[in-house]
């Protein structure tokens, strides 16, 4: 599974990431890359995160090798990040499943029409750090995969119902 993130949408709509803007745009982008890299390290259901930002890469220091499994993508001149997200979903849809993370209604609508799953930014940001699918030992010593919290599962289900309706 590949997650395609509407980068600035996620950063501006998530209080934990907004706090990084005090240190600059670069710091906020780096915080999102670290968050995604940690997610990949602790979950087995995400192959890659593609974080899409507006604007050509100009000395940002974040390229494709930003972190293992995290690809940073910038829109090109004359193209918005929203348009780039849609084109990536079109390309990915031919080969594998993807989930788009955004609160932008037009991005969500277009991604849904193309068959992508969608996840609200709030859902994405609220998945607790310690419970992202990490394998834990239960009382009898057997390993078990921890599940998403019930409220997160409900929000994802409701988002998918809206897309599939």
C-alpha atoms as a PDB file:
ATOM      1  CA  UNK A   1       0.000   0.000   0.000  1.00  0.00           C
ATOM      2  CA  UNK A   2       1.220   3.462  -0.881  1.00  0.00           C
ATOM      3  CA  UNK A   3      -0.050   6.511   0.952  1.00  0.00           C
ATOM      4  CA  UNK A   4      -0.091   9.734  -1.071  1.00  0.00           C
ATOM      5  CA  UNK A   5      -0.146  12.751   1.244  1.00  0.00           C
ATOM      6  CA  UNK A   6      -1.301  16.258   0.403  1.00  0.00           C
ATOM      7  CA  UNK A   7       1.789  17.605   2.171  1.00  0.00           C
ATOM      8  CA  UNK A   8       0.899  21.187   3.040  1.00  0.00           C
ATOM      9  CA  UNK A   9      -2.703  20.205   3.745  1.00  0.00           C
ATOM     10  CA  UNK A  10      -1.474  17.696   6.339  1.00  0.00           C
ATOM     11  CA  UNK A  11       1.020  20.146   7.834  1.00  0.00           C
ATOM     12  CA  UNK A  12      -1.430  23.040   8.163  1.00  0.00           C
ATOM     13  CA  UNK A  13      -4.329  20.955   9.485  1.00  0.00           C
ATOM     14  CA  UNK A  14      -2.407  19.009  12.141  1.00  0.00           C
ATOM     15  CA  UNK A  15      -1.530  20.913  15.334  1.00  0.00           C
ATOM     16  CA  UNK A  16       1.530  18.752  16.016  1.00  0.00           C
ATOM     17  CA  UNK A  17       3.004  19.693  12.637  1.00  0.00           C
ATOM     18  CA  UNK A  18       1.886  23.335  12.714  1.00  0.00           C
ATOM     19  CA  UNK A  19       4.102  23.807  15.752  1.00  0.00           C
ATOM     20  CA  UNK A  20       7.159  23.079  13.565  1.00  0.00           C
ATOM     21  CA  UNK A  21       6.413  26.097  11.356  1.00  0.00           C
ATOM     22  CA  UNK A  22       7.885  28.292  14.114  1.00  0.00           C
ATOM     23  CA  UNK A  23      11.268  26.873  13.064  1.00  0.00           C
ATOM     24  CA  UNK A  24      10.463  27.291   9.375  1.00  0.00           C
ATOM     25  CA  UNK A  25       8.845  25.517   6.458  1.00  0.00           C
ATOM     26  CA  UNK A  26      11.784  23.139   6.103  1.00  0.00           C
ATOM     27  CA  UNK A  27      11.434  22.021   9.735  1.00  0.00           C
ATOM     28  CA  UNK A  28       7.725  21.313   9.240  1.00  0.00           C
ATOM     29  CA  UNK A  29       8.373  19.251   6.092  1.00  0.00           C
ATOM     30  CA  UNK A  30      11.142  17.321   7.852  1.00  0.00           C
ATOM     31  CA  UNK A  31       8.821  16.567  10.786  1.00  0.00           C
ATOM     32  CA  UNK A  32       6.268  15.068   8.398  1.00  0.00           C
ATOM     33  CA  UNK A  33       8.955  12.965   6.703  1.00  0.00           C
ATOM     34  CA  UNK A  34      10.122  11.673  10.114  1.00  0.00           C
ATOM     35  CA  UNK A  35       6.538  10.870  11.128  1.00  0.00           C
ATOM     36  CA  UNK A  36       6.028   8.845   7.946  1.00  0.00           C
ATOM     37  CA  UNK A  37       9.385   7.064   8.280  1.00  0.00           C
ATOM     38  CA  UNK A  38       8.496   6.068  11.845  1.00  0.00           C
ATOM     39  CA  UNK A  39       5.091   4.827  10.676  1.00  0.00           C
ATOM     40  CA  UNK A  40       6.733   2.591   8.064  1.00  0.00           C
ATOM     41  CA  UNK A  41       9.155   1.265  10.652  1.00  0.00           C
ATOM     42  CA  UNK A  42       6.317   0.253  12.986  1.00  0.00           C
ATOM     43  CA  UNK A  43       3.625  -0.951  10.544  1.00  0.00           C
ATOM     44  CA  UNK A  44       3.545  -3.678   7.968  1.00  0.00           C
ATOM     45  CA  UNK A  45       0.699  -2.314   5.852  1.00  0.00           C
ATOM     46  CA  UNK A  46       2.503   0.671   4.322  1.00  0.00           C
ATOM     47  CA  UNK A  47       5.102   0.170   1.626  1.00  0.00           C
ATOM     48  CA  UNK A  48       5.738   3.850   0.929  1.00  0.00           C
ATOM     49  CA  UNK A  49       4.604   7.358   1.638  1.00  0.00           C
ATOM     50  CA  UNK A  50       4.644   9.864  -1.207  1.00  0.00           C
ATOM     51  CA  UNK A  51       4.394  13.383   0.202  1.00  0.00           C
ATOM     52  CA  UNK A  52       3.353  15.921  -2.417  1.00  0.00           C
ATOM     53  CA  UNK A  53       4.191  19.616  -2.002  1.00  0.00           C
ATOM     54  CA  UNK A  54       3.488  22.623  -4.199  1.00  0.00           C
ATOM     55  CA  UNK A  55       6.433  24.123  -6.054  1.00  0.00           C
ATOM     56  CA  UNK A  56       9.662  22.980  -7.561  1.00  0.00           C
ATOM     57  CA  UNK A  57      12.276  21.740  -5.125  1.00  0.00           C
ATOM     58  CA  UNK A  58      14.520  24.721  -4.428  1.00  0.00           C
ATOM     59  CA  UNK A  59      17.159  23.852  -1.906  1.00  0.00           C
ATOM     60  CA  UNK A  60      14.705  22.102   0.376  1.00  0.00           C
ATOM     61  CA  UNK A  61      17.069  19.257   1.150  1.00  0.00           C
ATOM     62  CA  UNK A  62      14.183  16.799   0.868  1.00  0.00           C
ATOM     63  CA  UNK A  63      14.502  14.592  -2.142  1.00  0.00           C
ATOM     64  CA  UNK A  64      13.387  11.073  -2.981  1.00  0.00           C
ATOM     65  CA  UNK A  65      15.841   9.645  -0.468  1.00  0.00           C
ATOM     66  CA  UNK A  66      14.460  11.766   2.357  1.00  0.00           C
ATOM     67  CA  UNK A  67      13.879   8.680   4.503  1.00  0.00           C
ATOM     68  CA  UNK A  68      13.559   4.995   3.838  1.00  0.00           C
ATOM     69  CA  UNK A  69      10.163   4.438   2.235  1.00  0.00           C
ATOM     70  CA  UNK A  70       9.312   8.132   2.064  1.00  0.00           C
ATOM     71  CA  UNK A  71       9.348   9.892  -1.278  1.00  0.00           C
ATOM     72  CA  UNK A  72       8.974  13.666  -1.444  1.00  0.00           C
ATOM     73  CA  UNK A  73       7.359  14.904  -4.658  1.00  0.00           C
ATOM     74  CA  UNK A  74       7.103  18.541  -5.759  1.00  0.00           C
ATOM     75  CA  UNK A  75       4.691  19.861  -8.356  1.00  0.00           C
ATOM     76  CA  UNK A  76       6.291  21.419 -11.420  1.00  0.00           C
ATOM     77  CA  UNK A  77       5.755  24.910 -12.830  1.00  0.00           C
ATOM     78  CA  UNK A  78       2.149  25.351 -13.884  1.00  0.00           C
ATOM     79  CA  UNK A  79       0.949  22.365 -11.865  1.00  0.00           C
ATOM     80  CA  UNK A  80      -0.596  22.419  -8.392  1.00  0.00           C
ATOM     81  CA  UNK A  81       0.109  19.801  -5.750  1.00  0.00           C
ATOM     82  CA  UNK A  82      -3.543  18.783  -6.074  1.00  0.00           C
ATOM     83  CA  UNK A  83      -3.086  18.096  -9.791  1.00  0.00           C
ATOM     84  CA  UNK A  84       0.117  16.181  -9.081  1.00  0.00           C
ATOM     85  CA  UNK A  85      -1.675  14.030  -6.484  1.00  0.00           C
ATOM     86  CA  UNK A  86      -4.395  13.135  -8.975  1.00  0.00           C
ATOM     87  CA  UNK A  87      -1.848  12.234 -11.666  1.00  0.00           C
ATOM     88  CA  UNK A  88       0.069  10.067  -9.184  1.00  0.00           C
ATOM     89  CA  UNK A  89      -3.148   8.272  -8.205  1.00  0.00           C
ATOM     90  CA  UNK A  90      -3.883   7.648 -11.891  1.00  0.00           C
ATOM     91  CA  UNK A  91      -0.404   6.184 -12.376  1.00  0.00           C
ATOM     92  CA  UNK A  92      -0.462   4.112  -9.183  1.00  0.00           C
ATOM     93  CA  UNK A  93      -3.983   2.832  -9.761  1.00  0.00           C
ATOM     94  CA  UNK A  94      -2.777   0.760 -12.651  1.00  0.00           C
ATOM     95  CA  UNK A  95      -0.353  -1.162 -10.482  1.00  0.00           C
ATOM     96  CA  UNK A  96      -1.290  -1.104  -6.806  1.00  0.00           C
ATOM     97  CA  UNK A  97      -3.624   0.185  -4.150  1.00  0.00           C
ATOM     98  CA  UNK A  98      -3.112   3.616  -2.690  1.00  0.00           C
ATOM     99  CA  UNK A  99      -4.639   5.804  -0.021  1.00  0.00           C
ATOM    100  CA  UNK A 100      -4.796   9.574  -0.375  1.00  0.00           C
ATOM    101  CA  UNK A 101      -4.522  11.633   2.816  1.00  0.00           C
ATOM    102  CA  UNK A 102      -6.120  15.059   2.425  1.00  0.00           C
ATOM    103  CA  UNK A 103      -8.982  17.231   3.602  1.00  0.00           C
ATOM    104  CA  UNK A 104      -9.244  18.989   0.246  1.00  0.00           C
ATOM    105  CA  UNK A 105     -12.693  18.074  -1.078  1.00  0.00           C
ATOM    106  CA  UNK A 106     -11.702  18.171  -4.739  1.00  0.00           C
ATOM    107  CA  UNK A 107      -8.643  15.981  -4.150  1.00  0.00           C
ATOM    108  CA  UNK A 108     -10.766  13.512  -2.173  1.00  0.00           C
ATOM    109  CA  UNK A 109     -13.464  13.446  -4.858  1.00  0.00           C
ATOM    110  CA  UNK A 110     -11.046  12.910  -7.736  1.00  0.00           C
ATOM    111  CA  UNK A 111      -9.019  10.293  -5.853  1.00  0.00           C
ATOM    112  CA  UNK A 112     -12.201   8.419  -4.983  1.00  0.00           C
ATOM    113  CA  UNK A 113     -13.378   8.447  -8.603  1.00  0.00           C
ATOM    114  CA  UNK A 114     -10.012   6.947  -9.564  1.00  0.00           C
ATOM    115  CA  UNK A 115     -10.489   4.132  -7.041  1.00  0.00           C
ATOM    116  CA  UNK A 116      -8.115   5.296  -4.332  1.00  0.00           C
ATOM    117  CA  UNK A 117      -9.025   4.993  -0.682  1.00  0.00           C
ATOM    118  CA  UNK A 118      -9.105   8.314   1.126  1.00  0.00           C
ATOM    119  CA  UNK A 119      -8.208   9.195   4.683  1.00  0.00           C
ATOM    120  CA  UNK A 120      -8.946  12.453   6.446  1.00  0.00           C
ATOM    121  CA  UNK A 121      -5.941  14.316   7.804  1.00  0.00           C
ATOM    122  CA  UNK A 122      -7.335  14.117  11.340  1.00  0.00           C
ATOM    123  CA  UNK A 123      -7.584  10.340  11.145  1.00  0.00           C
ATOM    124  CA  UNK A 124      -4.059  10.053   9.772  1.00  0.00           C
ATOM    125  CA  UNK A 125      -2.605  12.272  12.491  1.00  0.00           C
ATOM    126  CA  UNK A 126      -4.529  10.669  15.375  1.00  0.00           C
ATOM    127  CA  UNK A 127      -3.352   7.122  14.968  1.00  0.00           C
ATOM    128  CA  UNK A 128      -1.510   6.783  18.269  1.00  0.00           C
ATOM    129  CA  UNK A 129       2.247   6.436  18.072  1.00  0.00           C
ATOM    130  CA  UNK A 130       2.484   3.302  20.155  1.00  0.00           C
ATOM    131  CA  UNK A 131      -0.353   1.479  18.391  1.00  0.00           C
ATOM    132  CA  UNK A 132       0.500   1.674  14.703  1.00  0.00           C
ATOM    133  CA  UNK A 133       0.265  -2.039  14.109  1.00  0.00           C
ATOM    134  CA  UNK A 134       3.273  -2.843  16.235  1.00  0.00           C
ATOM    135  CA  UNK A 135       3.573  -6.508  17.167  1.00  0.00           C
ATOM    136  CA  UNK A 136       3.158  -6.949  20.902  1.00  0.00           C
ATOM    137  CA  UNK A 137       3.081  -9.858  23.293  1.00  0.00           C
ATOM    138  CA  UNK A 138      -0.247 -10.623  24.882  1.00  0.00           C
ATOM    139  CA  UNK A 139      -0.714 -12.110  28.342  1.00  0.00           C
ATOM    140  CA  UNK A 140       0.187 -15.665  27.309  1.00  0.00           C
ATOM    141  CA  UNK A 141       3.397 -14.564  25.554  1.00  0.00           C
ATOM    142  CA  UNK A 142       1.996 -15.048  22.040  1.00  0.00           C
ATOM    143  CA  UNK A 143       2.516 -12.280  19.524  1.00  0.00           C
ATOM    144  CA  UNK A 144      -0.472 -10.387  18.257  1.00  0.00           C
ATOM    145  CA  UNK A 145      -0.897  -7.507  15.843  1.00  0.00           C
ATOM    146  CA  UNK A 146      -2.446  -4.504  17.567  1.00  0.00           C
ATOM    147  CA  UNK A 147      -5.485  -3.065  15.833  1.00  0.00           C
ATOM    148  CA  UNK A 148      -6.376   0.526  15.078  1.00  0.00           C
ATOM    149  CA  UNK A 149      -8.461   2.162  17.786  1.00  0.00           C
ATOM    150  CA  UNK A 150     -12.212   1.727  17.256  1.00  0.00           C
ATOM    151  CA  UNK A 151     -12.852   5.445  16.595  1.00  0.00           C
ATOM    152  CA  UNK A 152     -10.177   5.458  13.868  1.00  0.00           C
ATOM    153  CA  UNK A 153     -11.647   2.335  12.237  1.00  0.00           C
ATOM    154  CA  UNK A 154     -15.097   3.986  12.219  1.00  0.00           C
ATOM    155  CA  UNK A 155     -13.730   7.181  10.619  1.00  0.00           C
ATOM    156  CA  UNK A 156     -11.937   5.233   7.907  1.00  0.00           C
ATOM    157  CA  UNK A 157     -15.053   3.183   7.219  1.00  0.00           C
ATOM    158  CA  UNK A 158     -17.189   6.324   6.954  1.00  0.00           C
ATOM    159  CA  UNK A 159     -14.674   7.925   4.580  1.00  0.00           C
ATOM    160  CA  UNK A 160     -14.706   4.850   2.368  1.00  0.00           C
ATOM    161  CA  UNK A 161     -18.521   4.737   2.370  1.00  0.00           C
ATOM    162  CA  UNK A 162     -18.597   8.347   1.112  1.00  0.00           C
ATOM    163  CA  UNK A 163     -16.139   7.543  -1.658  1.00  0.00           C
ATOM    164  CA  UNK A 164     -17.872   4.334  -2.746  1.00  0.00           C
ATOM    165  CA  UNK A 165     -21.391   5.820  -2.633  1.00  0.00           C
END
